[in-house]
């Protein structure tokens, strides 16, 4: 039986938990999702150049087991790269507002 996946927005930042707590919560969520689904999609803006490398590095630093294996079943969609053709394949100075303006016109 096919079911529609429910989007989860992981945008939690709590000063009391600190960076380590956020990273651990992310990997707990990822493990939980991967235990239920064949694949997991992570979608964001500019995440391939910042967020994902940082999460991998911090996962290793904080002793998360099997960091690389967890990412093997994750599809990452970086909206900045998806929309890059709209800017003539130029990264410098790009931000989400530029794309929104382009799409609105």
Protein backbone atom coordinates (compact mmCIF):
# COMPACT_ATOMS: atom_id res chain seq x y z
CA UNK A 1 0.00 0.00 0.00
CA UNK A 2 1.42 3.36 -1.06
CA UNK A 3 1.14 6.32 1.27
CA UNK A 4 1.96 9.96 0.80
CA UNK A 5 4.91 10.99 2.95
CA UNK A 6 4.25 13.65 5.51
CA UNK A 7 6.71 16.58 5.32
CA UNK A 8 8.67 17.30 8.47
CA UNK A 9 10.20 20.72 8.95
CA UNK A 10 13.33 20.49 11.06
CA UNK A 11 13.94 24.09 12.02
CA UNK A 12 14.57 23.72 15.73
CA UNK A 13 17.10 25.90 17.45
CA UNK A 14 17.01 26.06 21.21
CA UNK A 15 19.82 27.80 23.05
CA UNK A 16 19.44 25.46 26.02
CA UNK A 17 20.21 22.40 23.86
CA UNK A 18 23.18 23.90 22.08
CA UNK A 19 24.74 22.68 18.88
CA UNK A 20 25.42 19.15 20.14
CA UNK A 21 21.79 18.67 21.17
CA UNK A 22 20.51 19.89 17.81
CA UNK A 23 22.83 17.56 15.89
CA UNK A 24 21.86 14.59 18.05
CA UNK A 25 18.13 15.38 17.58
CA UNK A 26 18.63 15.60 13.81
CA UNK A 27 20.31 12.19 13.64
CA UNK A 28 17.68 10.65 15.93
CA UNK A 29 14.98 11.95 13.58
CA UNK A 30 16.89 10.70 10.54
CA UNK A 31 17.36 7.21 12.04
CA UNK A 32 13.68 7.08 12.96
CA UNK A 33 12.59 8.08 9.44
CA UNK A 34 14.98 5.61 7.80
CA UNK A 35 13.65 2.80 9.98
CA UNK A 36 10.18 3.39 8.49
CA UNK A 37 10.92 4.53 4.93
CA UNK A 38 13.11 3.23 2.10
CA UNK A 39 14.41 6.70 1.39
CA UNK A 40 14.27 10.14 2.95
CA UNK A 41 14.30 13.45 1.07
CA UNK A 42 15.97 16.47 2.61
CA UNK A 43 15.13 19.70 0.83
CA UNK A 44 16.56 23.13 1.55
CA UNK A 45 18.21 26.20 0.10
CA UNK A 46 22.02 26.05 -0.24
CA UNK A 47 22.15 22.94 1.95
CA UNK A 48 24.74 21.12 -0.17
CA UNK A 49 27.29 23.87 0.38
CA UNK A 50 26.70 24.41 4.09
CA UNK A 51 24.13 22.44 6.10
CA UNK A 52 24.83 18.89 4.90
CA UNK A 53 28.65 19.08 5.15
CA UNK A 54 28.29 20.68 8.58
CA UNK A 55 25.85 17.99 9.77
CA UNK A 56 28.22 15.26 8.59
CA UNK A 57 31.23 16.90 10.23
CA UNK A 58 29.39 17.54 13.51
CA UNK A 59 27.92 14.03 13.47
CA UNK A 60 31.44 12.62 13.35
CA UNK A 61 32.68 15.11 15.95
CA UNK A 62 29.87 14.22 18.38
CA UNK A 63 30.33 10.48 17.93
CA UNK A 64 27.16 9.66 15.99
CA UNK A 65 27.56 6.07 14.82
CA UNK A 66 27.25 5.19 11.14
CA UNK A 67 27.07 8.80 9.92
CA UNK A 68 28.03 7.96 6.33
CA UNK A 69 25.79 4.89 6.15
CA UNK A 70 22.79 6.97 7.21
CA UNK A 71 23.30 9.35 4.28
CA UNK A 72 23.32 6.51 1.70
CA UNK A 73 19.51 6.35 1.74
CA UNK A 74 18.95 10.10 1.78
CA UNK A 75 18.15 12.17 -1.28
CA UNK A 76 19.16 15.81 -0.96
CA UNK A 77 17.51 18.50 -3.05
CA UNK A 78 19.22 21.85 -2.92
CA UNK A 79 16.81 24.45 -4.26
CA UNK A 80 19.65 26.85 -4.94
CA UNK A 81 21.19 24.38 -7.37
CA UNK A 82 17.83 23.42 -8.85
CA UNK A 83 17.17 27.08 -9.65
CA UNK A 84 20.71 27.86 -10.79
CA UNK A 85 19.81 27.89 -14.51
CA UNK A 86 17.60 30.93 -13.81
CA UNK A 87 20.68 32.92 -12.83
CA UNK A 88 22.87 31.91 -15.75
CA UNK A 89 24.72 29.44 -13.49
CA UNK A 90 26.29 32.22 -11.42
CA UNK A 91 26.46 31.61 -7.65
CA UNK A 92 27.86 34.94 -6.48
CA UNK A 93 25.30 37.17 -4.82
CA UNK A 94 22.41 34.76 -5.22
CA UNK A 95 19.76 34.47 -2.56
CA UNK A 96 16.22 33.18 -2.31
CA UNK A 97 14.71 36.67 -2.82
CA UNK A 98 16.25 36.84 -6.31
CA UNK A 99 14.55 33.57 -7.26
CA UNK A 100 11.22 34.62 -5.76
CA UNK A 101 11.34 37.88 -7.74
CA UNK A 102 12.19 35.97 -10.91
CA UNK A 103 9.34 33.51 -10.43
CA UNK A 104 6.84 36.25 -9.61
CA UNK A 105 7.56 38.10 -12.87
